[in-house]
Protein backbone atom coordinates (compact mmCIF):
# COMPACT_ATOMS: atom_id res chain seq x y z
CA MET A 1 -0.46 -18.42 -19.79
CA ASP A 2 1.80 -18.84 -22.78
CA PRO A 3 3.87 -22.06 -22.38
CA ALA A 4 7.11 -20.29 -23.25
CA GLN A 5 6.41 -17.62 -20.63
CA ALA A 6 5.57 -20.26 -18.04
CA ALA A 7 8.78 -22.16 -18.75
CA SER A 8 10.82 -18.97 -18.39
CA ILE A 9 9.15 -18.08 -15.10
CA PHE A 10 9.65 -21.50 -13.54
CA ALA A 11 13.27 -21.53 -14.68
CA ARG A 12 13.84 -18.30 -12.77
CA LEU A 13 12.39 -19.87 -9.62
CA ARG A 14 14.89 -22.70 -9.39
CA GLY A 15 16.53 -20.95 -6.46
CA VAL A 16 13.27 -20.77 -4.49
CA PRO A 17 11.77 -24.25 -4.96
CA HIS A 18 9.01 -23.87 -2.37
CA LEU A 19 7.65 -20.84 -4.27
CA ARG A 20 8.10 -22.51 -7.65
CA ASP A 21 6.27 -25.65 -6.51
CA ALA A 22 3.43 -23.68 -4.89
CA LEU A 23 2.93 -21.59 -8.03
CA GLN A 24 3.03 -24.66 -10.25
CA ARG A 25 0.44 -26.46 -8.12
CA LEU A 26 -1.74 -23.37 -7.98
CA LEU A 27 -1.77 -22.84 -11.73
CA ASP A 28 -2.39 -26.54 -12.34
CA SER A 29 -5.38 -26.43 -9.97
CA ILE A 30 -7.15 -23.43 -11.50
CA ASP A 31 -9.73 -24.16 -14.16
CA ILE A 32 -9.18 -21.10 -16.33
CA PRO A 33 -11.77 -20.52 -19.09
CA ARG A 34 -10.65 -19.47 -22.54
CA SER A 35 -12.13 -16.00 -21.99
CA VAL A 36 -9.73 -15.30 -19.11
CA ARG A 37 -6.00 -14.62 -19.22
CA VAL A 38 -3.75 -15.18 -16.22
CA GLU A 39 -0.53 -13.23 -15.83
CA VAL A 40 2.24 -13.70 -13.28
CA GLN A 41 3.53 -10.35 -12.06
CA GLY A 42 5.81 -8.86 -9.43
CA SER A 43 9.22 -10.17 -8.43
CA ILE A 44 8.57 -13.59 -10.00
CA ALA A 45 7.98 -12.01 -13.41
CA ARG A 46 11.01 -9.72 -12.97
CA GLY A 47 13.23 -12.65 -12.04
CA ASP A 48 14.34 -11.32 -8.65
CA ALA A 49 12.14 -13.41 -6.34
CA ASP A 50 13.56 -14.63 -3.04
CA ARG A 51 12.32 -16.88 -0.24
CA TYR A 52 10.06 -14.12 1.10
CA SER A 53 8.51 -13.12 -2.25
CA ASP A 54 4.80 -13.20 -3.06
CA ALA A 55 3.11 -15.02 -5.90
CA ASP A 56 1.38 -12.17 -7.73
CA LEU A 57 -1.34 -13.15 -10.21
CA ARG A 58 -3.65 -11.03 -12.34
CA PHE A 59 -6.78 -12.31 -14.06
CA THR A 60 -8.18 -10.32 -16.98
CA GLY A 61 -10.88 -10.97 -19.54
CA GLU A 62 -14.62 -11.50 -19.55
CA PRO A 63 -15.85 -9.98 -16.24
CA GLU A 64 -18.39 -12.69 -15.40
CA SER A 65 -15.82 -15.44 -15.87
CA VAL A 66 -13.27 -13.56 -13.76
CA ALA A 67 -15.92 -13.14 -11.04
CA HIS A 68 -16.57 -16.90 -11.07
CA LEU A 69 -12.84 -17.53 -10.73
CA ARG A 70 -12.71 -15.27 -7.70
CA GLU A 71 -15.52 -17.19 -6.06
CA ALA A 72 -13.75 -20.48 -6.70
CA PHE A 73 -10.27 -19.25 -5.74
CA PRO A 74 -10.47 -19.90 -1.95
CA GLY A 75 -11.34 -23.53 -2.67
CA VAL A 76 -8.36 -23.81 -5.01
CA LEU A 77 -6.05 -22.38 -2.36
CA ALA A 78 -7.32 -24.93 0.15
CA THR A 79 -5.99 -27.70 -2.08
CA LEU A 80 -2.47 -26.28 -1.75
CA GLY A 81 -2.32 -26.38 2.05
CA THR A 82 -3.69 -24.57 5.08
CA VAL A 83 -5.12 -21.13 4.38
CA LEU A 84 -3.85 -19.06 7.32
CA SER A 85 -5.48 -15.77 6.33
CA ALA A 86 -7.37 -14.32 3.38
CA PHE A 87 -8.84 -10.85 2.83
CA PRO A 88 -9.40 -8.25 0.08
CA ALA A 89 -6.83 -5.43 -0.04
CA THR A 90 -9.33 -2.75 0.92
CA HIS A 91 -6.60 -1.15 3.07
CA LEU A 92 -4.90 -0.23 -0.21
CA GLY A 93 -8.13 0.75 -1.96
CA LEU A 94 -7.86 -2.41 -4.09
CA ASP A 95 -11.12 -4.25 -3.47
CA ASP A 96 -10.51 -6.69 -6.32
CA LEU A 97 -7.15 -7.85 -4.98
CA LEU A 98 -7.39 -10.95 -2.79
CA VAL A 99 -4.49 -11.33 -0.36
CA THR A 100 -3.90 -14.82 0.98
CA PHE A 101 -1.34 -16.50 3.22
CA VAL A 102 -1.14 -20.26 2.76
CA GLU A 103 1.01 -22.80 4.57
CA VAL A 104 2.39 -25.07 1.86
CA ASP A 105 4.59 -27.94 3.04
CA GLY A 106 5.49 -26.08 6.20
CA ARG A 107 6.36 -22.79 4.44
CA VAL A 108 4.24 -19.65 4.31
CA VAL A 109 3.43 -18.49 0.78
CA LYS A 110 1.72 -15.14 0.24
CA ILE A 111 -0.48 -15.15 -2.85
CA ASP A 112 -1.91 -11.90 -4.24
CA ALA A 113 -4.60 -12.47 -6.86
CA ASP A 114 -6.00 -9.49 -8.77
CA PHE A 115 -9.51 -10.13 -10.11
CA SER A 116 -10.20 -6.64 -11.48
CA ALA A 117 -10.91 -8.24 -14.90
CA GLY A 118 -9.98 -5.32 -17.13
CA GLU A 119 -6.62 -3.79 -17.87
CA SER A 120 -5.30 -1.47 -15.20
CA SER A 121 -6.80 1.97 -15.56
CA HIS A 122 -6.36 5.00 -13.37
CA SER A 123 -8.26 7.77 -15.09
CA ASP A 124 -7.61 11.37 -14.14
CA GLU A 125 -11.14 11.64 -12.80
CA ILE A 126 -10.80 8.62 -10.53
CA SER A 127 -7.34 9.62 -9.38
CA SER A 128 -8.49 13.15 -8.66
CA ALA A 129 -11.44 11.94 -6.59
CA ARG A 130 -9.25 9.61 -4.57
CA LEU A 131 -6.66 12.30 -3.98
CA GLN A 132 -9.28 14.77 -2.80
CA ASP A 133 -10.69 12.14 -0.45
CA GLY A 134 -7.18 11.62 0.91
CA ASP A 135 -6.81 15.38 1.37
CA ARG A 136 -10.00 15.61 3.41
CA LYS A 137 -8.96 12.73 5.63
CA PHE A 138 -5.46 14.11 6.08
CA VAL A 139 -6.79 17.51 7.15
CA GLY A 140 -9.07 15.84 9.71
CA TRP A 141 -6.25 13.66 10.98
CA MET A 142 -4.10 16.77 11.38
CA TRP A 143 -6.35 18.04 14.14
CA TYR A 144 -6.88 14.61 15.66
CA THR A 145 -3.14 13.98 15.86
CA PHE A 146 -2.34 17.43 17.17
CA ALA A 147 -4.99 17.04 19.88
CA LYS A 148 -3.38 13.78 21.02
CA ILE A 149 0.02 15.47 21.17
CA GLY A 150 -1.45 18.42 23.07
CA ARG A 151 -3.08 16.14 25.63
CA GLY A 152 0.13 14.27 26.26
CA GLU A 153 -1.23 11.01 24.81
CA TYR A 154 2.07 10.23 23.16
CA PHE A 155 1.61 6.58 22.28
CA GLU A 156 -1.64 7.39 20.54
CA SER A 157 0.02 10.40 18.92
CA ALA A 158 2.63 8.12 17.36
CA ALA A 159 -0.12 5.77 16.17
CA ALA A 160 -1.99 8.71 14.64
CA LEU A 161 1.15 9.78 12.80
CA ASP A 162 1.42 6.24 11.43
CA THR A 163 -2.15 6.50 10.15
CA MET A 164 -1.50 9.82 8.45
CA ARG A 165 1.63 8.46 6.85
CA GLY A 166 0.39 5.04 5.77
CA SER A 167 -3.14 5.98 4.71
CA ALA A 168 -2.52 9.36 3.07
CA LEU A 169 1.09 10.47 2.69
CA VAL A 170 2.62 7.29 1.25
CA PRO A 171 -0.27 6.63 -1.21
CA LEU A 172 0.03 10.24 -2.40
CA LEU A 173 3.81 9.92 -2.71
CA LEU A 174 3.51 6.76 -4.81
CA HIS A 175 0.88 8.39 -7.03
CA MET A 176 2.97 11.49 -7.62
CA MET A 177 6.01 9.36 -8.50
CA GLN A 178 3.90 7.12 -10.77
CA LEU A 179 4.72 4.02 -8.75
CA PRO A 180 2.38 1.07 -8.10
CA PRO A 181 0.11 1.53 -5.04
CA GLU A 182 1.97 -1.03 -2.93
CA GLY A 183 2.28 0.86 0.35
CA TYR A 184 5.66 0.67 2.06
CA ARG A 185 6.74 -2.29 -0.03
CA ARG A 186 10.44 -1.97 -0.91
CA LEU A 187 10.45 1.80 -0.66
CA GLU A 188 14.18 1.61 0.01
CA LEU A 189 14.60 0.49 -3.59
CA ARG A 190 11.89 2.63 -5.16
CA LEU A 191 12.63 6.05 -3.67
CA SER A 192 15.66 8.26 -4.06
CA ALA A 193 17.84 8.92 -1.02
CA ALA A 194 16.50 12.47 -0.81
CA VAL A 195 12.87 11.38 -0.78
CA GLN A 196 13.64 8.65 1.73
CA GLY A 197 15.14 11.34 3.94
CA GLU A 198 11.94 13.37 3.78
CA LEU A 199 9.89 10.31 4.65
CA ARG A 200 12.16 9.36 7.55
CA ALA A 201 11.72 12.87 8.96
CA THR A 202 8.03 12.09 9.55
CA TYR A 203 8.95 9.47 12.17
CA PRO A 204 9.37 10.71 15.75
CA ARG A 205 12.69 9.75 17.31
CA THR A 206 11.25 9.83 20.83
CA LEU A 207 7.79 9.96 22.40
CA GLU A 208 8.18 13.50 23.68
CA GLN A 209 6.01 16.46 22.80
CA ASP A 210 8.61 18.55 20.98
CA GLU A 211 9.76 15.59 18.89
CA LEU A 212 6.20 14.52 18.07
CA LEU A 213 5.44 18.08 16.97
CA ARG A 214 8.56 18.12 14.80
CA ALA A 215 7.55 14.87 13.08
CA PHE A 216 4.02 16.17 12.70
CA LEU A 217 5.24 19.34 11.00
CA ALA A 218 7.55 17.35 8.73
CA MET A 219 4.55 15.24 7.74
CA THR A 220 2.32 18.22 6.93
CA ASP A 221 5.07 20.03 5.03
CA PHE A 222 5.88 16.96 2.96
CA TYR A 223 2.22 16.41 2.12
CA ARG A 224 1.78 20.06 1.21
CA ARG A 225 4.73 20.02 -1.15
CA LEU A 226 3.47 16.90 -2.88
CA ARG A 227 0.00 18.34 -3.43
CA LYS A 228 1.27 21.83 -4.34
CA HIS A 229 -1.73 23.95 -5.33
CA ASP A 230 -4.41 21.25 -5.20
CA LEU A 231 -5.39 21.50 -1.54
CA SER A 232 -7.75 24.50 -1.55
CA GLU A 233 -10.95 22.51 -1.13
CA ALA A 234 -9.57 20.57 1.81
CA ARG A 235 -8.81 23.77 3.78
CA PHE A 236 -5.38 22.40 4.54
CA ASP A 237 -3.69 25.76 5.07
CA ARG A 238 -6.48 27.02 7.32
CA MET A 239 -6.26 23.94 9.52
CA LEU A 240 -2.48 24.26 9.75
CA ALA A 241 -2.79 27.95 10.70
CA ILE A 242 -5.17 27.04 13.52
CA ILE A 243 -2.85 24.31 14.75
CA ARG A 244 0.14 26.65 14.69
CA ARG A 245 -1.81 29.09 16.82
CA GLU A 246 -2.89 26.38 19.25
CA ALA A 247 0.65 25.04 19.50
CA LYS A 248 1.80 28.24 21.18
CA ALA A 249 -0.15 27.24 24.27
CA LEU A 250 1.67 23.93 24.67
CA GLY A 251 4.09 24.91 27.40
CA GLY A 252 6.01 27.26 25.17
CA GLY A 253 6.21 24.73 22.36
CA GLU A 254 5.68 26.25 18.97
CA PHE A 255 6.03 25.09 15.39
CA PRO A 256 8.91 26.81 13.66
CA ALA A 257 7.89 28.97 10.73
CA ARG A 258 8.55 27.50 7.30
C-alpha cells in the first residue's frame, strides 16, 4: 500500500482505535510479495467507519502469489487474537472472499479479505448466467413457499419468504441498481425510499395465511418488475398462473389481480 494512502487511512481511524490498531497489526503481519497489491476498501477507505465497521481488504496481482497469501492468511489472523469464525462468502456467490471474525483485545473485529487476484469483472455473460440461475431458483421457491402457506406451515412459510428475498430478490435488486453484491448491508442508505417501500412490502406483518399470501405476491411482483422481459426461460408467469389458480382453493383466499 502506498505510504501516503496508509497514513490517510489511519488518520481517519483515530475515532475507532481498536479498528485502527487491528488493521495496523494485520498489515504489519502480512508478508506481501512485490507482485501483489493490497487495497483497503469499504467504510475505512471512505472515511465513515464506526465501532461496528469491517476491515475490508482486497489483494490483486499475480494469481499464484495471491493464492499463497490466502493459504497463509488464517495463520496471520491467529497472531492478532482469537479467530472466532472464518468462512468463504459462498452465501454471496463470492468464493474468493474470506470472512473472518477475530477477537482482538476483547473486541470483535470482522475482517473481509478478497483474494480474487484480478480486478473486479462482471461480464455480461457471467451476469446473465447468474441471473438466469437465480430465476430458476426463484420459480422453484415460488411453489415451495406457496405449498407451505397452503398447508398452514406458517413459520416455515416466513422462512421460505426470507430465502426468496435474501437469495434471489435482493441480489437481483442490487445488480439492477449497479450496487455492490453486499446483501442487506446498509440498504437503508443505498436504496431510495420508494424502493425500500417495495422491499418492506415483501415482509409479512403477521403469520396468517392472508398476510403471508400478500407478502408472497408482493415478492413475486417486485421480482417480475425487476426482471422485466427476461424471465421467459424460467417459466415464471406459468408458475404464477398455476399458483393463482391453486390459491382459490385456500378457504376463499385468492391473490388479487394485478
